[in-house]
PDB file of N, CA and C in Angstrom:
ATOM      1  N   MET A   1      72.777-118.675 -59.203  1.00  0.00           N
ATOM      2  CA  MET A   1      73.602-118.050 -58.194  1.00  0.00           C
ATOM      3  C   MET A   1      74.484-116.966 -58.802  1.00  0.00           C
ATOM      4  N   GLY A   2      75.090-117.215 -59.929  1.00  0.00           N
ATOM      5  CA  GLY A   2      75.979-116.247 -60.552  1.00  0.00           C
ATOM      6  C   GLY A   2      75.258-114.969 -60.942  1.00  0.00           C
ATOM      7  N   LEU A   3      74.034-115.102 -61.455  1.00  0.00           N
ATOM      8  CA  LEU A   3      73.253-113.936 -61.854  1.00  0.00           C
ATOM      9  C   LEU A   3      72.880-113.088 -60.645  1.00  0.00           C
ATOM     10  N   CYS A   4      72.528-113.723 -59.544  1.00  0.00           N
ATOM     11  CA  CYS A   4      72.199-112.975 -58.318  1.00  0.00           C
ATOM     12  C   CYS A   4      73.409-112.200 -57.819  1.00  0.00           C
ATOM     13  N   SER A   5      74.567-112.775 -57.900  1.00  0.00           N
ATOM     14  CA  SER A   5      75.793-112.098 -57.462  1.00  0.00           C
ATOM     15  C   SER A   5      76.082-110.881 -58.332  1.00  0.00           C
ATOM     16  N   VAL A   6      75.896-111.028 -59.637  1.00  0.00           N
ATOM     17  CA  VAL A   6      76.130-109.921 -60.559  1.00  0.00           C
ATOM     18  C   VAL A   6      75.125-108.802 -60.295  1.00  0.00           C
ATOM     19  N   LEU A   7      73.853-109.144 -60.115  1.00  0.00           N
ATOM     20  CA  LEU A   7      72.837-108.130 -59.836  1.00  0.00           C
ATOM     21  C   LEU A   7      73.124-107.407 -58.531  1.00  0.00           C
ATOM     22  N   LEU A   8      73.542-108.145 -57.505  1.00  0.00           N
ATOM     23  CA  LEU A   8      73.886-107.530 -56.227  1.00  0.00           C
ATOM     24  C   LEU A   8      75.057-106.569 -56.393  1.00  0.00           C
ATOM     25  N   LEU A   9      76.055-106.963 -57.171  1.00  0.00           N
ATOM     26  CA  LEU A   9      77.208-106.097 -57.422  1.00  0.00           C
ATOM     27  C   LEU A   9      76.784-104.822 -58.152  1.00  0.00           C
ATOM     28  N   VAL A  10      75.911-104.939 -59.156  1.00  0.00           N
ATOM     29  CA  VAL A  10      75.431-103.773 -59.902  1.00  0.00           C
ATOM     30  C   VAL A  10      74.674-102.834 -58.972  1.00  0.00           C
ATOM     31  N   VAL A  11      73.805-103.369 -58.125  1.00  0.00           N
ATOM     32  CA  VAL A  11      73.052-102.543 -57.186  1.00  0.00           C
ATOM     33  C   VAL A  11      73.999-101.821 -56.236  1.00  0.00           C
ATOM     34  N   MET A  12      75.027-102.494 -55.766  1.00  0.00           N
ATOM     35  CA  MET A  12      75.991-101.867 -54.859  1.00  0.00           C
ATOM     36  C   MET A  12      76.751-100.747 -55.559  1.00  0.00           C
ATOM     37  N   ILE A  13      77.147-100.951 -56.807  1.00  0.00           N
ATOM     38  CA  ILE A  13      77.890 -99.929 -57.554  1.00  0.00           C
ATOM     39  C   ILE A  13      77.003 -98.721 -57.820  1.00  0.00           C
ATOM     40  N   VAL A  14      75.773 -98.948 -58.267  1.00  0.00           N
ATOM     41  CA  VAL A  14      74.855 -97.846 -58.538  1.00  0.00           C
ATOM     42  C   VAL A  14      74.583 -97.077 -57.247  1.00  0.00           C
ATOM     43  N   GLY A  15      74.409 -97.771 -56.151  1.00  0.00           N
ATOM     44  CA  GLY A  15      74.192 -97.105 -54.867  1.00  0.00           C
ATOM     45  C   GLY A  15      75.361 -96.237 -54.474  1.00  0.00           C
ATOM     46  N   GLU A  16      76.570 -96.663 -54.755  1.00  0.00           N
ATOM     47  CA  GLU A  16      77.760 -95.876 -54.446  1.00  0.00           C
ATOM     48  C   GLU A  16      77.833 -94.626 -55.300  1.00  0.00           C
ATOM     49  N   VAL A  17      77.473 -94.730 -56.561  1.00  0.00           N
ATOM     50  CA  VAL A  17      77.541 -93.598 -57.475  1.00  0.00           C
ATOM     51  C   VAL A  17      76.553 -92.517 -57.059  1.00  0.00           C
ATOM     52  N   GLN A  18      75.387 -92.901 -56.539  1.00  0.00           N
ATOM     53  CA  GLN A  18      74.351 -91.947 -56.220  1.00  0.00           C
ATOM     54  C   GLN A  18      74.557 -91.248 -54.876  1.00  0.00           C
ATOM     55  N   VAL A  19      75.539 -91.646 -54.109  1.00  0.00           N
ATOM     56  CA  VAL A  19      75.797 -90.995 -52.834  1.00  0.00           C
ATOM     57  C   VAL A  19      76.312 -89.593 -53.116  1.00  0.00           C
ATOM     58  N   SER A  20      75.638 -88.586 -52.560  1.00  0.00           N
ATOM     59  CA  SER A  20      76.064 -87.214 -52.805  1.00  0.00           C
ATOM     60  C   SER A  20      77.114 -86.818 -51.794  1.00  0.00           C
ATOM     61  N   ARG A  21      78.005 -85.955 -52.224  1.00  0.00           N
ATOM     62  CA  ARG A  21      79.045 -85.491 -51.316  1.00  0.00           C
ATOM     63  C   ARG A  21      78.692 -84.101 -50.826  1.00  0.00           C
ATOM     64  N   ALA A  22      79.165 -83.789 -49.653  1.00  0.00           N
ATOM     65  CA  ALA A  22      78.878 -82.488 -49.059  1.00  0.00           C
ATOM     66  C   ALA A  22      79.625 -81.391 -49.810  1.00  0.00           C
ATOM     67  N   ILE A  23      79.001 -80.244 -49.901  1.00  0.00           N
ATOM     68  CA  ILE A  23      79.637 -79.096 -50.552  1.00  0.00           C
ATOM     69  C   ILE A  23      80.495 -78.393 -49.520  1.00  0.00           C
ATOM     70  N   ILE A  24      81.719 -78.126 -49.879  1.00  0.00           N
ATOM     71  CA  ILE A  24      82.635 -77.386 -49.016  1.00  0.00           C
ATOM     72  C   ILE A  24      82.636 -75.949 -49.512  1.00  0.00           C
ATOM     73  N   CYS A  25      82.107 -75.037 -48.697  1.00  0.00           N
ATOM     74  CA  CYS A  25      82.076 -73.620 -49.067  1.00  0.00           C
ATOM     75  C   CYS A  25      83.429 -73.003 -48.745  1.00  0.00           C
ATOM     76  N   SER A  26      84.276 -73.037 -49.726  1.00  0.00           N
ATOM     77  CA  SER A  26      85.610 -72.472 -49.588  1.00  0.00           C
ATOM     78  C   SER A  26      85.959 -71.780 -50.897  1.00  0.00           C
ATOM     79  N   PRO A  27      86.347 -70.518 -50.830  1.00  0.00           N
ATOM     80  CA  PRO A  27      86.687 -69.819 -52.065  1.00  0.00           C
ATOM     81  C   PRO A  27      87.836 -70.476 -52.818  1.00  0.00           C
ATOM     82  N   THR A  28      88.661 -71.254 -52.140  1.00  0.00           N
ATOM     83  CA  THR A  28      89.750 -71.946 -52.837  1.00  0.00           C
ATOM     84  C   THR A  28      89.206 -72.988 -53.809  1.00  0.00           C
ATOM     85  N   GLU A  29      87.960 -73.421 -53.608  1.00  0.00           N
ATOM     86  CA  GLU A  29      87.326 -74.363 -54.538  1.00  0.00           C
ATOM     87  C   GLU A  29      87.149 -73.728 -55.922  1.00  0.00           C
ATOM     88  N   LEU A  30      87.167 -72.401 -55.971  1.00  0.00           N
ATOM     89  CA  LEU A  30      86.989 -71.689 -57.242  1.00  0.00           C
ATOM     90  C   LEU A  30      88.313 -71.400 -57.944  1.00  0.00           C
ATOM     91  N   SER A  31      89.384 -72.030 -57.512  1.00  0.00           N
ATOM     92  CA  SER A  31      90.696 -71.767 -58.116  1.00  0.00           C
ATOM     93  C   SER A  31      90.747 -72.029 -59.620  1.00  0.00           C
ATOM     94  N   PRO A  32      89.960 -72.975 -60.183  1.00  0.00           N
ATOM     95  CA  PRO A  32      89.983 -73.126 -61.641  1.00  0.00           C
ATOM     96  C   PRO A  32      89.449 -71.897 -62.374  1.00  0.00           C
ATOM     97  N   CYS A  33      88.832 -70.959 -61.654  1.00  0.00           N
ATOM     98  CA  CYS A  33      88.224 -69.782 -62.274  1.00  0.00           C
ATOM     99  C   CYS A  33      89.115 -68.544 -62.221  1.00  0.00           C
ATOM    100  N   VAL A  34      90.269 -68.638 -61.596  1.00  0.00           N
ATOM    101  CA  VAL A  34      91.117 -67.458 -61.394  1.00  0.00           C
ATOM    102  C   VAL A  34      91.467 -66.785 -62.716  1.00  0.00           C
ATOM    103  N   ALA A  35      91.875 -67.555 -63.714  1.00  0.00           N
ATOM    104  CA  ALA A  35      92.283 -66.967 -64.998  1.00  0.00           C
ATOM    105  C   ALA A  35      91.131 -66.182 -65.624  1.00  0.00           C
ATOM    106  N   ALA A  36      89.918 -66.719 -65.565  1.00  0.00           N
ATOM    107  CA  ALA A  36      88.782 -66.028 -66.159  1.00  0.00           C
ATOM    108  C   ALA A  36      88.363 -64.814 -65.326  1.00  0.00           C
ATOM    109  N   PHE A  37      88.537 -64.871 -64.001  1.00  0.00           N
ATOM    110  CA  PHE A  37      88.230 -63.718 -63.149  1.00  0.00           C
ATOM    111  C   PHE A  37      89.142 -62.546 -63.495  1.00  0.00           C
ATOM    112  N   ILE A  38      90.392 -62.849 -63.767  1.00  0.00           N
ATOM    113  CA  ILE A  38      91.403 -61.809 -63.979  1.00  0.00           C
ATOM    114  C   ILE A  38      91.369 -61.269 -65.406  1.00  0.00           C
ATOM    115  N   SER A  39      91.131 -62.133 -66.367  1.00  0.00           N
ATOM    116  CA  SER A  39      91.212 -61.721 -67.775  1.00  0.00           C
ATOM    117  C   SER A  39      89.833 -61.743 -68.424  1.00  0.00           C
ATOM    118  N   GLN A  40      89.812 -61.530 -69.695  1.00  0.00           N
ATOM    119  CA  GLN A  40      88.569 -61.555 -70.454  1.00  0.00           C
ATOM    120  C   GLN A  40      88.351 -62.895 -71.147  1.00  0.00           C
ATOM    121  N   GLN A  41      89.171 -63.899 -70.835  1.00  0.00           N
ATOM    122  CA  GLN A  41      89.007 -65.193 -71.491  1.00  0.00           C
ATOM    123  C   GLN A  41      87.802 -65.933 -70.915  1.00  0.00           C
ATOM    124  N   PRO A  42      87.144 -66.763 -71.715  1.00  0.00           N
ATOM    125  CA  PRO A  42      85.982 -67.496 -71.218  1.00  0.00           C
ATOM    126  C   PRO A  42      86.403 -68.524 -70.164  1.00  0.00           C
ATOM    127  N   PRO A  43      85.509 -68.827 -69.227  1.00  0.00           N
ATOM    128  CA  PRO A  43      85.837 -69.806 -68.194  1.00  0.00           C
ATOM    129  C   PRO A  43      85.966 -71.203 -68.787  1.00  0.00           C
ATOM    130  N   SER A  44      86.797 -71.995 -68.167  1.00  0.00           N
ATOM    131  CA  SER A  44      87.000 -73.378 -68.601  1.00  0.00           C
ATOM    132  C   SER A  44      85.839 -74.245 -68.131  1.00  0.00           C
ATOM    133  N   GLY A  45      85.791 -75.447 -68.633  1.00  0.00           N
ATOM    134  CA  GLY A  45      84.783 -76.410 -68.183  1.00  0.00           C
ATOM    135  C   GLY A  45      84.920 -76.705 -66.706  1.00  0.00           C
ATOM    136  N   ALA A  46      86.165 -76.796 -66.227  1.00  0.00           N
ATOM    137  CA  ALA A  46      86.407 -77.047 -64.795  1.00  0.00           C
ATOM    138  C   ALA A  46      85.885 -75.885 -63.960  1.00  0.00           C
ATOM    139  N   CYS A  47      86.066 -74.669 -64.459  1.00  0.00           N
ATOM    140  CA  CYS A  47      85.571 -73.488 -63.753  1.00  0.00           C
ATOM    141  C   CYS A  47      84.047 -73.526 -63.684  1.00  0.00           C
ATOM    142  N   CYS A  48      83.400 -73.790 -64.798  1.00  0.00           N
ATOM    143  CA  CYS A  48      81.927 -73.840 -64.813  1.00  0.00           C
ATOM    144  C   CYS A  48      81.414 -74.912 -63.858  1.00  0.00           C
ATOM    145  N   SER A  49      82.076 -76.035 -63.830  1.00  0.00           N
ATOM    146  CA  SER A  49      81.675 -77.109 -62.920  1.00  0.00           C
ATOM    147  C   SER A  49      81.770 -76.651 -61.464  1.00  0.00           C
ATOM    148  N   LYS A  50      82.853 -75.971 -61.125  1.00  0.00           N
ATOM    149  CA  LYS A  50      83.036 -75.474 -59.755  1.00  0.00           C
ATOM    150  C   LYS A  50      82.031 -74.379 -59.418  1.00  0.00           C
ATOM    151  N   LEU A  51      81.719 -73.514 -60.378  1.00  0.00           N
ATOM    152  CA  LEU A  51      80.724 -72.471 -60.133  1.00  0.00           C
ATOM    153  C   LEU A  51      79.361 -73.092 -59.826  1.00  0.00           C
ATOM    154  N   ARG A  52      78.992 -74.121 -60.583  1.00  0.00           N
ATOM    155  CA  ARG A  52      77.714 -74.789 -60.325  1.00  0.00           C
ATOM    156  C   ARG A  52      77.732 -75.472 -58.959  1.00  0.00           C
ATOM    157  N   GLU A  53      78.852 -76.089 -58.634  1.00  0.00           N
ATOM    158  CA  GLU A  53      78.992 -76.780 -57.348  1.00  0.00           C
ATOM    159  C   GLU A  53      78.933 -75.801 -56.178  1.00  0.00           C
ATOM    160  N   GLN A  54      79.551 -74.639 -56.324  1.00  0.00           N
ATOM    161  CA  GLN A  54      79.654 -73.665 -55.247  1.00  0.00           C
ATOM    162  C   GLN A  54      78.468 -72.711 -55.176  1.00  0.00           C
ATOM    163  N   ARG A  55      77.502 -72.846 -56.063  1.00  0.00           N
ATOM    164  CA  ARG A  55      76.359 -71.921 -56.099  1.00  0.00           C
ATOM    165  C   ARG A  55      75.687 -71.748 -54.739  1.00  0.00           C
ATOM    166  N   PRO A  56      75.463 -72.808 -53.948  1.00  0.00           N
ATOM    167  CA  PRO A  56      74.838 -72.607 -52.640  1.00  0.00           C
ATOM    168  C   PRO A  56      75.681 -71.749 -51.683  1.00  0.00           C
ATOM    169  N   CYS A  57      76.939 -71.532 -52.003  1.00  0.00           N
ATOM    170  CA  CYS A  57      77.847 -70.786 -51.137  1.00  0.00           C
ATOM    171  C   CYS A  57      77.911 -69.302 -51.479  1.00  0.00           C
ATOM    172  N   PHE A  58      77.370 -68.901 -52.623  1.00  0.00           N
ATOM    173  CA  PHE A  58      77.557 -67.531 -53.111  1.00  0.00           C
ATOM    174  C   PHE A  58      77.064 -66.459 -52.146  1.00  0.00           C
ATOM    175  N   CYS A  59      75.923 -66.665 -51.495  1.00  0.00           N
ATOM    176  CA  CYS A  59      75.417 -65.640 -50.572  1.00  0.00           C
ATOM    177  C   CYS A  59      76.400 -65.434 -49.413  1.00  0.00           C
ATOM    178  N   GLY A  60      76.987 -66.502 -48.942  1.00  0.00           N
ATOM    179  CA  GLY A  60      77.994 -66.377 -47.890  1.00  0.00           C
ATOM    180  C   GLY A  60      79.209 -65.612 -48.382  1.00  0.00           C
ATOM    181  N   TYR A  61      79.620 -65.879 -49.607  1.00  0.00           N
ATOM    182  CA  TYR A  61      80.761 -65.160 -50.173  1.00  0.00           C
ATOM    183  C   TYR A  61      80.437 -63.669 -50.319  1.00  0.00           C
ATOM    184  N   LEU A  62      79.202 -63.370 -50.720  1.00  0.00           N
ATOM    185  CA  LEU A  62      78.817 -61.972 -50.908  1.00  0.00           C
ATOM    186  C   LEU A  62      78.706 -61.214 -49.584  1.00  0.00           C
ATOM    187  N   ARG A  63      78.436 -61.913 -48.491  1.00  0.00           N
ATOM    188  CA  ARG A  63      78.373 -61.261 -47.180  1.00  0.00           C
ATOM    189  C   ARG A  63      79.761 -60.956 -46.615  1.00  0.00           C
ATOM    190  N   ASP A  64      80.773 -61.623 -47.143  1.00  0.00           N
ATOM    191  CA  ASP A  64      82.151 -61.406 -46.688  1.00  0.00           C
ATOM    192  C   ASP A  64      82.740 -60.223 -47.465  1.00  0.00           C
ATOM    193  N   PRO A  65      83.081 -59.113 -46.778  1.00  0.00           N
ATOM    194  CA  PRO A  65      83.574 -57.924 -47.489  1.00  0.00           C
ATOM    195  C   PRO A  65      84.811 -58.197 -48.349  1.00  0.00           C
ATOM    196  N   TYR A  66      85.673 -59.091 -47.910  1.00  0.00           N
ATOM    197  CA  TYR A  66      86.882 -59.393 -48.679  1.00  0.00           C
ATOM    198  C   TYR A  66      86.530 -60.157 -49.958  1.00  0.00           C
ATOM    199  N   LEU A  67      85.665 -61.145 -49.840  1.00  0.00           N
ATOM    200  CA  LEU A  67      85.315 -61.971 -51.006  1.00  0.00           C
ATOM    201  C   LEU A  67      84.375 -61.258 -51.964  1.00  0.00           C
ATOM    202  N   ARG A  68      83.506 -60.403 -51.432  1.00  0.00           N
ATOM    203  CA  ARG A  68      82.538 -59.702 -52.267  1.00  0.00           C
ATOM    204  C   ARG A  68      83.224 -58.954 -53.405  1.00  0.00           C
ATOM    205  N   GLN A  69      84.378 -58.369 -53.125  1.00  0.00           N
ATOM    206  CA  GLN A  69      85.066 -57.583 -54.156  1.00  0.00           C
ATOM    207  C   GLN A  69      85.532 -58.435 -55.333  1.00  0.00           C
ATOM    208  N   TYR A  70      85.604 -59.751 -55.146  1.00  0.00           N
ATOM    209  CA  TYR A  70      85.994 -60.636 -56.246  1.00  0.00           C
ATOM    210  C   TYR A  70      84.780 -61.287 -56.905  1.00  0.00           C
ATOM    211  N   VAL A  71      83.811 -61.663 -56.089  1.00  0.00           N
ATOM    212  CA  VAL A  71      82.645 -62.374 -56.612  1.00  0.00           C
ATOM    213  C   VAL A  71      81.687 -61.425 -57.311  1.00  0.00           C
ATOM    214  N   ASN A  72      81.473 -60.259 -56.734  1.00  0.00           N
ATOM    215  CA  ASN A  72      80.500 -59.314 -57.276  1.00  0.00           C
ATOM    216  C   ASN A  72      81.183 -58.300 -58.195  1.00  0.00           C
ATOM    217  N   THR A  73      81.790 -58.803 -59.248  1.00  0.00           N
ATOM    218  CA  THR A  73      82.475 -57.964 -60.229  1.00  0.00           C
ATOM    219  C   THR A  73      81.898 -58.252 -61.610  1.00  0.00           C
ATOM    220  N   PRO A  74      82.142 -57.378 -62.564  1.00  0.00           N
ATOM    221  CA  PRO A  74      81.670 -57.672 -63.927  1.00  0.00           C
ATOM    222  C   PRO A  74      82.214 -59.006 -64.456  1.00  0.00           C
ATOM    223  N   ASN A  75      83.499 -59.288 -64.205  1.00  0.00           N
ATOM    224  CA  ASN A  75      84.058 -60.560 -64.686  1.00  0.00           C
ATOM    225  C   ASN A  75      83.416 -61.747 -63.970  1.00  0.00           C
ATOM    226  N   GLY A  76      83.167 -61.622 -62.674  1.00  0.00           N
ATOM    227  CA  GLY A  76      82.529 -62.702 -61.930  1.00  0.00           C
ATOM    228  C   GLY A  76      81.119 -62.976 -62.435  1.00  0.00           C
ATOM    229  N   ARG A  77      80.370 -61.923 -62.679  1.00  0.00           N
ATOM    230  CA  ARG A  77      79.011 -62.081 -63.214  1.00  0.00           C
ATOM    231  C   ARG A  77      79.050 -62.629 -64.639  1.00  0.00           C
ATOM    232  N   ARG A  78      80.030 -62.195 -65.438  1.00  0.00           N
ATOM    233  CA  ARG A  78      80.171 -62.689 -66.815  1.00  0.00           C
ATOM    234  C   ARG A  78      80.460 -64.185 -66.807  1.00  0.00           C
ATOM    235  N   GLU A  79      81.368 -64.600 -65.917  1.00  0.00           N
ATOM    236  CA  GLU A  79      81.692 -66.029 -65.815  1.00  0.00           C
ATOM    237  C   GLU A  79      80.473 -66.849 -65.471  1.00  0.00           C
ATOM    238  N   ALA A  80      79.759 -66.409 -64.448  1.00  0.00           N
ATOM    239  CA  ALA A  80      78.577 -67.151 -64.015  1.00  0.00           C
ATOM    240  C   ALA A  80      77.557 -67.230 -65.149  1.00  0.00           C
ATOM    241  N   SER A  81      77.339 -66.126 -65.843  1.00  0.00           N
ATOM    242  CA  SER A  81      76.396 -66.100 -66.949  1.00  0.00           C
ATOM    243  C   SER A  81      76.846 -67.039 -68.070  1.00  0.00           C
ATOM    244  N   PHE A  82      78.130 -67.002 -68.395  1.00  0.00           N
ATOM    245  CA  PHE A  82      78.676 -67.879 -69.440  1.00  0.00           C
ATOM    246  C   PHE A  82      78.437 -69.344 -69.102  1.00  0.00           C
ATOM    247  N   CYS A  83      78.538 -69.680 -67.803  1.00  0.00           N
ATOM    248  CA  CYS A  83      78.390 -71.066 -67.346  1.00  0.00           C
ATOM    249  C   CYS A  83      76.934 -71.442 -67.061  1.00  0.00           C
ATOM    250  N   GLY A  84      76.011 -70.467 -67.235  1.00  0.00           N
ATOM    251  CA  GLY A  84      74.612 -70.766 -66.980  1.00  0.00           C
ATOM    252  C   GLY A  84      74.257 -70.825 -65.509  1.00  0.00           C
ATOM    253  N   VAL A  85      75.045 -70.155 -64.681  1.00  0.00           N
ATOM    254  CA  VAL A  85      74.803 -70.122 -63.237  1.00  0.00           C
ATOM    255  C   VAL A  85      74.105 -68.812 -62.923  1.00  0.00           C
ATOM    256  N   PRO A  86      72.862 -68.852 -62.443  1.00  0.00           N
ATOM    257  CA  PRO A  86      72.144 -67.606 -62.171  1.00  0.00           C
ATOM    258  C   PRO A  86      72.749 -66.854 -61.000  1.00  0.00           C
ATOM    259  N   SER A  87      72.553 -65.543 -61.001  1.00  0.00           N
ATOM    260  CA  SER A  87      73.030 -64.704 -59.894  1.00  0.00           C
ATOM    261  C   SER A  87      72.248 -65.076 -58.637  1.00  0.00           C
ATOM    262  N   PRO A  88      72.938 -65.081 -57.493  1.00  0.00           N
ATOM    263  CA  PRO A  88      72.240 -65.459 -56.264  1.00  0.00           C
ATOM    264  C   PRO A  88      71.250 -64.377 -55.826  1.00  0.00           C
ATOM    265  N   ARG A  89      70.195 -64.797 -55.220  1.00  0.00           N
ATOM    266  CA  ARG A  89      69.207 -63.888 -54.624  1.00  0.00           C
ATOM    267  C   ARG A  89      69.293 -64.087 -53.118  1.00  0.00           C
ATOM    268  N   CYS A  90      70.039 -63.209 -52.504  1.00  0.00           N
ATOM    269  CA  CYS A  90      70.299 -63.357 -51.070  1.00  0.00           C
ATOM    270  C   CYS A  90      69.379 -62.471 -50.252  1.00  0.00           C
TER     271      CYS A  90
END
């Protein structure tokens, strides 16, 4: 009985970990990248993580005239390249 309970608990925990969360397409999600957008310093790990997470949102950002001026810049492309995030093909 004890082993079955432990196995059931492990299955429940693993199932919880694998649940994916919805991506929120909001430019504020990229706030960890502000310093690298503005300066020549390399992006932080948190920034790279957010860039990878927000990748499905990039085409929407590029269609917005206000956001395009920040996303489609040399620093923005440099950050994405540094983090291994390919340029979007919209």
